[in-house]
Each structure stands twice: as C-alpha cells, then as structure tokens.
C-alpha cells in the first residue's frame, strides 16, 4: 500500500482530487475498508480527498468525515436499488435528521421507472435482462418480496415483467391502506 507516497506524487502531476476505496484486491468484498488509509492520504495532500467504502447509510458517511477528515464521500453498492440514499445522506449531513425509508409503493414505482429507463437506453432484450439483477436490489424487506422477485427474474420477456410490476404497484397501494 503506497498511499502516503502516491498521493503527493499525483498532486505534483496536477491531479485535482483523489477518490480512495481503501480495500485491497485480496480482500475483494470481504472485511472492512481501512479508513485510516483515507486519513493518511488526506494528511499527505492539499487537494480534495473523496472517501469510499462501507458507506451503508447516513451515519456511516458522518463517521467517515469525522474519522478521516475527507472532503467528500462516494457511495457505491449501498445505492443499488436505493437511490434515496443520496437524499438521506444530504438531509442527515445538513440537518442531522434521518428521513424515513420509502414505502413499498415508492420502492416499486422507482423500480418501474428504472426499468423504463433501461428499456429506453438499452432496448427491450438487453434492458430486460439487465433489470433482472436490479429487481433483487429494489424488491426486498417486505412481505411477499421473495415471491415477487422470483416472478420477475423468471419472466420470459419485458412485457411479462412490466405486467407483473404494474400489478405489484397496484397491489402495494392496497397493502399500504390496510396497514394504515
């Protein structure tokens, strides 16, 4: 690990900011990121340092700022199926308040919007195939999620997926009214 040496060299060559995910290749996705390396980098350069790794929610971002002195945080996997994390981070860091989690209906509507955007940008076959993995990130932590996810990932094409998702969105309003 050459963080203390590499940072000043990069800065000397005109790099204007450095993002660091302090996890080794050997670690892969296992273990914790070594935030001390972000701190070491920040102490060795005068340019902005962006910390990344193990930011699962707003409290983690605050802790990274406090422990490392970094100038910004970069969210990675925690944003998969959770685009609300950015609004939550902003509210927490600016006001100290944690906004609530999206309800099932909001989660499914956002998933459907993501699906539409993928279909528009990648076409019906590639877009539908790409969305299969995203369903797993959006559709979790509510009653019936596993069955719905299974239905969606095994659907034969985009039209069937769209029909299943539309029905789930309609049913989610009923679930929310019943639980109110």
C-alpha atoms as a PDB file:
ATOM      1  CA  UNK A   1       0.000   0.000   0.000  1.00  0.00           C
ATOM      2  CA  UNK A   2       1.628   3.198  -1.218  1.00  0.00           C
ATOM      3  CA  UNK A   3      -0.950   5.785  -0.202  1.00  0.00           C
ATOM      4  CA  UNK A   4       1.360   8.257   1.568  1.00  0.00           C
ATOM      5  CA  UNK A   5       3.814   8.261  -1.363  1.00  0.00           C
ATOM      6  CA  UNK A   6       1.322   8.103  -4.226  1.00  0.00           C
ATOM      7  CA  UNK A   7      -0.893  10.965  -3.045  1.00  0.00           C
ATOM      8  CA  UNK A   8       1.776  13.703  -3.153  1.00  0.00           C
ATOM      9  CA  UNK A   9       3.103  12.367  -6.476  1.00  0.00           C
ATOM     10  CA  UNK A  10      -0.332  12.511  -8.032  1.00  0.00           C
ATOM     11  CA  UNK A  11      -0.868  16.003  -6.675  1.00  0.00           C
ATOM     12  CA  UNK A  12       2.515  17.111  -8.073  1.00  0.00           C
ATOM     13  CA  UNK A  13       1.432  15.861 -11.503  1.00  0.00           C
ATOM     14  CA  UNK A  14      -1.655  18.055 -11.443  1.00  0.00           C
ATOM     15  CA  UNK A  15      -4.316  15.694 -10.149  1.00  0.00           C
ATOM     16  CA  UNK A  16      -7.016  17.888  -8.640  1.00  0.00           C
ATOM     17  CA  UNK A  17      -8.776  15.348  -6.394  1.00  0.00           C
ATOM     18  CA  UNK A  18      -8.304  11.734  -5.357  1.00  0.00           C
ATOM     19  CA  UNK A  19     -11.008   9.167  -4.605  1.00  0.00           C
ATOM     20  CA  UNK A  20      -9.853   6.262  -2.467  1.00  0.00           C
ATOM     21  CA  UNK A  21     -11.538   2.969  -1.716  1.00  0.00           C
ATOM     22  CA  UNK A  22      -9.163   1.511   0.876  1.00  0.00           C
ATOM     23  CA  UNK A  23      -9.736  -2.178   0.346  1.00  0.00           C
ATOM     24  CA  UNK A  24      -7.127  -4.435  -1.199  1.00  0.00           C
ATOM     25  CA  UNK A  25      -7.684  -6.660  -4.215  1.00  0.00           C
ATOM     26  CA  UNK A  26      -7.084  -9.644  -1.955  1.00  0.00           C
ATOM     27  CA  UNK A  27      -9.941  -8.531   0.323  1.00  0.00           C
ATOM     28  CA  UNK A  28     -12.349  -8.247  -2.602  1.00  0.00           C
ATOM     29  CA  UNK A  29     -15.741  -7.538  -0.983  1.00  0.00           C
ATOM     30  CA  UNK A  30     -14.812  -9.146   2.332  1.00  0.00           C
ATOM     31  CA  UNK A  31     -13.787  -7.392   5.503  1.00  0.00           C
ATOM     32  CA  UNK A  32     -13.880  -3.693   6.215  1.00  0.00           C
ATOM     33  CA  UNK A  33     -12.312  -0.839   4.306  1.00  0.00           C
ATOM     34  CA  UNK A  34      -9.324   0.623   6.140  1.00  0.00           C
ATOM     35  CA  UNK A  35     -10.462   4.197   6.685  1.00  0.00           C
ATOM     36  CA  UNK A  36      -7.093   5.000   8.284  1.00  0.00           C
ATOM     37  CA  UNK A  37      -5.681   4.963   4.741  1.00  0.00           C
ATOM     38  CA  UNK A  38      -8.132   7.697   3.745  1.00  0.00           C
ATOM     39  CA  UNK A  39      -6.948   9.701   6.743  1.00  0.00           C
ATOM     40  CA  UNK A  40      -3.284   9.138   5.804  1.00  0.00           C
ATOM     41  CA  UNK A  41      -3.965  10.254   2.254  1.00  0.00           C
ATOM     42  CA  UNK A  42      -5.831  13.356   3.416  1.00  0.00           C
ATOM     43  CA  UNK A  43      -2.928  14.288   5.699  1.00  0.00           C
ATOM     44  CA  UNK A  44      -0.414  13.886   2.849  1.00  0.00           C
ATOM     45  CA  UNK A  45      -2.083  16.117   0.218  1.00  0.00           C
ATOM     46  CA  UNK A  46      -3.738  19.521  -0.067  1.00  0.00           C
ATOM     47  CA  UNK A  47      -6.215  18.540  -2.796  1.00  0.00           C
ATOM     48  CA  UNK A  48      -9.691  17.169  -2.031  1.00  0.00           C
ATOM     49  CA  UNK A  49      -9.874  13.536  -0.934  1.00  0.00           C
ATOM     50  CA  UNK A  50     -13.024  11.537  -1.554  1.00  0.00           C
ATOM     51  CA  UNK A  51     -13.520   8.557   0.745  1.00  0.00           C
ATOM     52  CA  UNK A  52     -15.297   5.400  -0.348  1.00  0.00           C
ATOM     53  CA  UNK A  53     -16.024   2.058   1.257  1.00  0.00           C
ATOM     54  CA  UNK A  54     -18.517   0.782   3.809  1.00  0.00           C
ATOM     55  CA  UNK A  55     -20.915   3.704   3.449  1.00  0.00           C
ATOM     56  CA  UNK A  56     -24.192   1.874   4.064  1.00  0.00           C
ATOM     57  CA  UNK A  57     -26.170   4.867   5.292  1.00  0.00           C
ATOM     58  CA  UNK A  58     -26.024   8.452   6.530  1.00  0.00           C
ATOM     59  CA  UNK A  59     -24.436   7.603   9.874  1.00  0.00           C
ATOM     60  CA  UNK A  60     -21.549   5.869   8.098  1.00  0.00           C
ATOM     61  CA  UNK A  61     -20.932   8.936   5.944  1.00  0.00           C
ATOM     62  CA  UNK A  62     -20.843  11.196   9.019  1.00  0.00           C
ATOM     63  CA  UNK A  63     -18.454   8.784  10.740  1.00  0.00           C
ATOM     64  CA  UNK A  64     -16.159   8.703   7.689  1.00  0.00           C
ATOM     65  CA  UNK A  65     -15.992  12.509   7.607  1.00  0.00           C
ATOM     66  CA  UNK A  66     -15.269  12.609  11.340  1.00  0.00           C
ATOM     67  CA  UNK A  67     -12.678   9.816  11.404  1.00  0.00           C
ATOM     68  CA  UNK A  68     -10.775  10.631   8.218  1.00  0.00           C
ATOM     69  CA  UNK A  69     -11.181  14.346   7.560  1.00  0.00           C
ATOM     70  CA  UNK A  70     -12.039  13.560   3.933  1.00  0.00           C
ATOM     71  CA  UNK A  71     -13.677  16.262   1.831  1.00  0.00           C
ATOM     72  CA  UNK A  72     -16.441  14.129   0.339  1.00  0.00           C
ATOM     73  CA  UNK A  73     -17.768  10.592   0.421  1.00  0.00           C
ATOM     74  CA  UNK A  74     -18.603   8.387  -2.534  1.00  0.00           C
ATOM     75  CA  UNK A  75     -21.408   5.860  -2.199  1.00  0.00           C
ATOM     76  CA  UNK A  76     -21.104   2.608  -4.108  1.00  0.00           C
ATOM     77  CA  UNK A  77     -23.058  -0.592  -3.598  1.00  0.00           C
ATOM     78  CA  UNK A  78     -25.359   0.985  -0.993  1.00  0.00           C
ATOM     79  CA  UNK A  79     -27.024   2.916  -3.840  1.00  0.00           C
ATOM     80  CA  UNK A  80     -28.040  -0.242  -5.714  1.00  0.00           C
ATOM     81  CA  UNK A  81     -31.819  -0.406  -5.504  1.00  0.00           C
ATOM     82  CA  UNK A  82     -31.634   2.504  -3.073  1.00  0.00           C
ATOM     83  CA  UNK A  83     -31.397   5.797  -4.965  1.00  0.00           C
ATOM     84  CA  UNK A  84     -32.939   7.515  -1.916  1.00  0.00           C
ATOM     85  CA  UNK A  85     -29.643   7.170  -0.081  1.00  0.00           C
ATOM     86  CA  UNK A  86     -28.381  10.429  -1.592  1.00  0.00           C
ATOM     87  CA  UNK A  87     -31.320  12.462  -0.285  1.00  0.00           C
ATOM     88  CA  UNK A  88     -30.976  10.707   3.087  1.00  0.00           C
ATOM     89  CA  UNK A  89     -27.242  11.481   3.254  1.00  0.00           C
ATOM     90  CA  UNK A  90     -27.822  15.107   2.365  1.00  0.00           C
ATOM     91  CA  UNK A  91     -30.597  15.583   4.939  1.00  0.00           C
ATOM     92  CA  UNK A  92     -28.596  13.886   7.666  1.00  0.00           C
ATOM     93  CA  UNK A  93     -25.344  15.720   6.981  1.00  0.00           C
ATOM     94  CA  UNK A  94     -27.016  19.129   6.583  1.00  0.00           C
ATOM     95  CA  UNK A  95     -29.744  18.948   9.236  1.00  0.00           C
ATOM     96  CA  UNK A  96     -28.933  15.940  11.404  1.00  0.00           C
ATOM     97  CA  UNK A  97     -32.320  14.426  10.559  1.00  0.00           C
ATOM     98  CA  UNK A  98     -32.853  10.996   9.090  1.00  0.00           C
ATOM     99  CA  UNK A  99     -35.685  10.975   6.547  1.00  0.00           C
ATOM    100  CA  UNK A 100     -37.883   7.910   6.542  1.00  0.00           C
ATOM    101  CA  UNK A 101     -37.413   4.960   4.261  1.00  0.00           C
ATOM    102  CA  UNK A 102     -39.522   4.796   1.098  1.00  0.00           C
ATOM    103  CA  UNK A 103     -42.660   2.702   1.417  1.00  0.00           C
ATOM    104  CA  UNK A 104     -43.350  -0.344  -0.753  1.00  0.00           C
ATOM    105  CA  UNK A 105     -45.285   1.713  -3.298  1.00  0.00           C
ATOM    106  CA  UNK A 106     -42.468   4.265  -3.732  1.00  0.00           C
ATOM    107  CA  UNK A 107     -39.899   1.484  -3.961  1.00  0.00           C
ATOM    108  CA  UNK A 108     -41.855  -0.336  -6.678  1.00  0.00           C
ATOM    109  CA  UNK A 109     -42.606   2.858  -8.630  1.00  0.00           C
ATOM    110  CA  UNK A 110     -38.918   3.759  -8.653  1.00  0.00           C
ATOM    111  CA  UNK A 111     -38.052   0.220  -9.738  1.00  0.00           C
ATOM    112  CA  UNK A 112     -40.547   0.563 -12.606  1.00  0.00           C
ATOM    113  CA  UNK A 113     -39.030   3.905 -13.631  1.00  0.00           C
ATOM    114  CA  UNK A 114     -35.556   2.338 -13.599  1.00  0.00           C
ATOM    115  CA  UNK A 115     -36.908  -0.489 -15.754  1.00  0.00           C
ATOM    116  CA  UNK A 116     -38.389   2.002 -18.255  1.00  0.00           C
ATOM    117  CA  UNK A 117     -35.119   3.917 -18.470  1.00  0.00           C
ATOM    118  CA  UNK A 118     -33.138   0.716 -19.052  1.00  0.00           C
ATOM    119  CA  UNK A 119     -35.532  -0.353 -21.803  1.00  0.00           C
ATOM    120  CA  UNK A 120     -35.233   3.060 -23.466  1.00  0.00           C
ATOM    121  CA  UNK A 121     -31.448   3.165 -23.266  1.00  0.00           C
ATOM    122  CA  UNK A 122     -30.583  -0.484 -23.912  1.00  0.00           C
ATOM    123  CA  UNK A 123     -33.511  -1.862 -25.885  1.00  0.00           C
ATOM    124  CA  UNK A 124     -36.114  -4.441 -24.887  1.00  0.00           C
ATOM    125  CA  UNK A 125     -33.965  -7.558 -24.709  1.00  0.00           C
ATOM    126  CA  UNK A 126     -30.780  -6.169 -23.159  1.00  0.00           C
ATOM    127  CA  UNK A 127     -32.715  -3.759 -20.900  1.00  0.00           C
ATOM    128  CA  UNK A 128     -34.957  -6.534 -19.564  1.00  0.00           C
ATOM    129  CA  UNK A 129     -32.005  -8.842 -18.978  1.00  0.00           C
ATOM    130  CA  UNK A 130     -30.056  -6.115 -17.176  1.00  0.00           C
ATOM    131  CA  UNK A 131     -33.043  -5.293 -14.978  1.00  0.00           C
ATOM    132  CA  UNK A 132     -33.226  -8.842 -13.632  1.00  0.00           C
ATOM    133  CA  UNK A 133     -30.319  -8.155 -11.260  1.00  0.00           C
ATOM    134  CA  UNK A 134     -31.743  -4.779 -10.221  1.00  0.00           C
ATOM    135  CA  UNK A 135     -35.032  -6.373  -9.147  1.00  0.00           C
ATOM    136  CA  UNK A 136     -33.094  -8.112  -6.387  1.00  0.00           C
ATOM    137  CA  UNK A 137     -31.883  -4.786  -5.001  1.00  0.00           C
ATOM    138  CA  UNK A 138     -35.233  -2.983  -5.132  1.00  0.00           C
ATOM    139  CA  UNK A 139     -37.569  -5.777  -4.126  1.00  0.00           C
ATOM    140  CA  UNK A 140     -36.671  -6.895  -0.633  1.00  0.00           C
ATOM    141  CA  UNK A 141     -37.602  -6.408   3.006  1.00  0.00           C
ATOM    142  CA  UNK A 142     -41.376  -6.618   2.648  1.00  0.00           C
ATOM    143  CA  UNK A 143     -43.900  -9.422   2.818  1.00  0.00           C
ATOM    144  CA  UNK A 144     -44.053 -11.270  -0.497  1.00  0.00           C
ATOM    145  CA  UNK A 145     -40.833  -9.731  -1.811  1.00  0.00           C
ATOM    146  CA  UNK A 146     -39.095 -13.055  -2.466  1.00  0.00           C
ATOM    147  CA  UNK A 147     -42.016 -14.430  -4.498  1.00  0.00           C
ATOM    148  CA  UNK A 148     -42.365 -11.191  -6.488  1.00  0.00           C
ATOM    149  CA  UNK A 149     -38.639 -11.087  -7.172  1.00  0.00           C
ATOM    150  CA  UNK A 150     -38.706 -14.710  -8.359  1.00  0.00           C
ATOM    151  CA  UNK A 151     -41.629 -13.982 -10.675  1.00  0.00           C
ATOM    152  CA  UNK A 152     -39.833 -11.006 -12.191  1.00  0.00           C
ATOM    153  CA  UNK A 153     -36.445 -12.621 -12.733  1.00  0.00           C
ATOM    154  CA  UNK A 154     -38.002 -15.692 -14.356  1.00  0.00           C
ATOM    155  CA  UNK A 155     -40.434 -13.745 -16.573  1.00  0.00           C
ATOM    156  CA  UNK A 156     -39.964 -14.578 -20.252  1.00  0.00           C
ATOM    157  CA  UNK A 157     -39.740 -11.011 -21.561  1.00  0.00           C
ATOM    158  CA  UNK A 158     -40.137  -7.302 -20.850  1.00  0.00           C
ATOM    159  CA  UNK A 159     -43.910  -7.331 -21.396  1.00  0.00           C
ATOM    160  CA  UNK A 160     -44.455 -10.014 -18.771  1.00  0.00           C
ATOM    161  CA  UNK A 161     -42.079  -8.217 -16.403  1.00  0.00           C
ATOM    162  CA  UNK A 162     -43.965  -4.962 -16.952  1.00  0.00           C
ATOM    163  CA  UNK A 163     -47.310  -6.642 -16.278  1.00  0.00           C
ATOM    164  CA  UNK A 164     -46.037  -8.259 -13.066  1.00  0.00           C
ATOM    165  CA  UNK A 165     -44.509  -4.996 -11.864  1.00  0.00           C
ATOM    166  CA  UNK A 166     -47.656  -2.976 -12.705  1.00  0.00           C
ATOM    167  CA  UNK A 167     -49.820  -5.429 -10.768  1.00  0.00           C
ATOM    168  CA  UNK A 168     -47.438  -5.283  -7.805  1.00  0.00           C
ATOM    169  CA  UNK A 169     -47.595  -1.469  -7.812  1.00  0.00           C
ATOM    170  CA  UNK A 170     -51.419  -1.536  -7.800  1.00  0.00           C
ATOM    171  CA  UNK A 171     -51.442  -4.120  -5.007  1.00  0.00           C
ATOM    172  CA  UNK A 172     -48.926  -2.122  -2.969  1.00  0.00           C
ATOM    173  CA  UNK A 173     -51.496   0.669  -2.507  1.00  0.00           C
ATOM    174  CA  UNK A 174     -53.924  -1.868  -1.054  1.00  0.00           C
ATOM    175  CA  UNK A 175     -51.244  -3.188   1.306  1.00  0.00           C
ATOM    176  CA  UNK A 176     -50.419   0.350   2.464  1.00  0.00           C
ATOM    177  CA  UNK A 177     -54.099   1.219   3.078  1.00  0.00           C
ATOM    178  CA  UNK A 178     -54.612  -1.992   5.052  1.00  0.00           C
ATOM    179  CA  UNK A 179     -51.597  -1.307   7.260  1.00  0.00           C
ATOM    180  CA  UNK A 180     -52.573   2.332   7.951  1.00  0.00           C
END
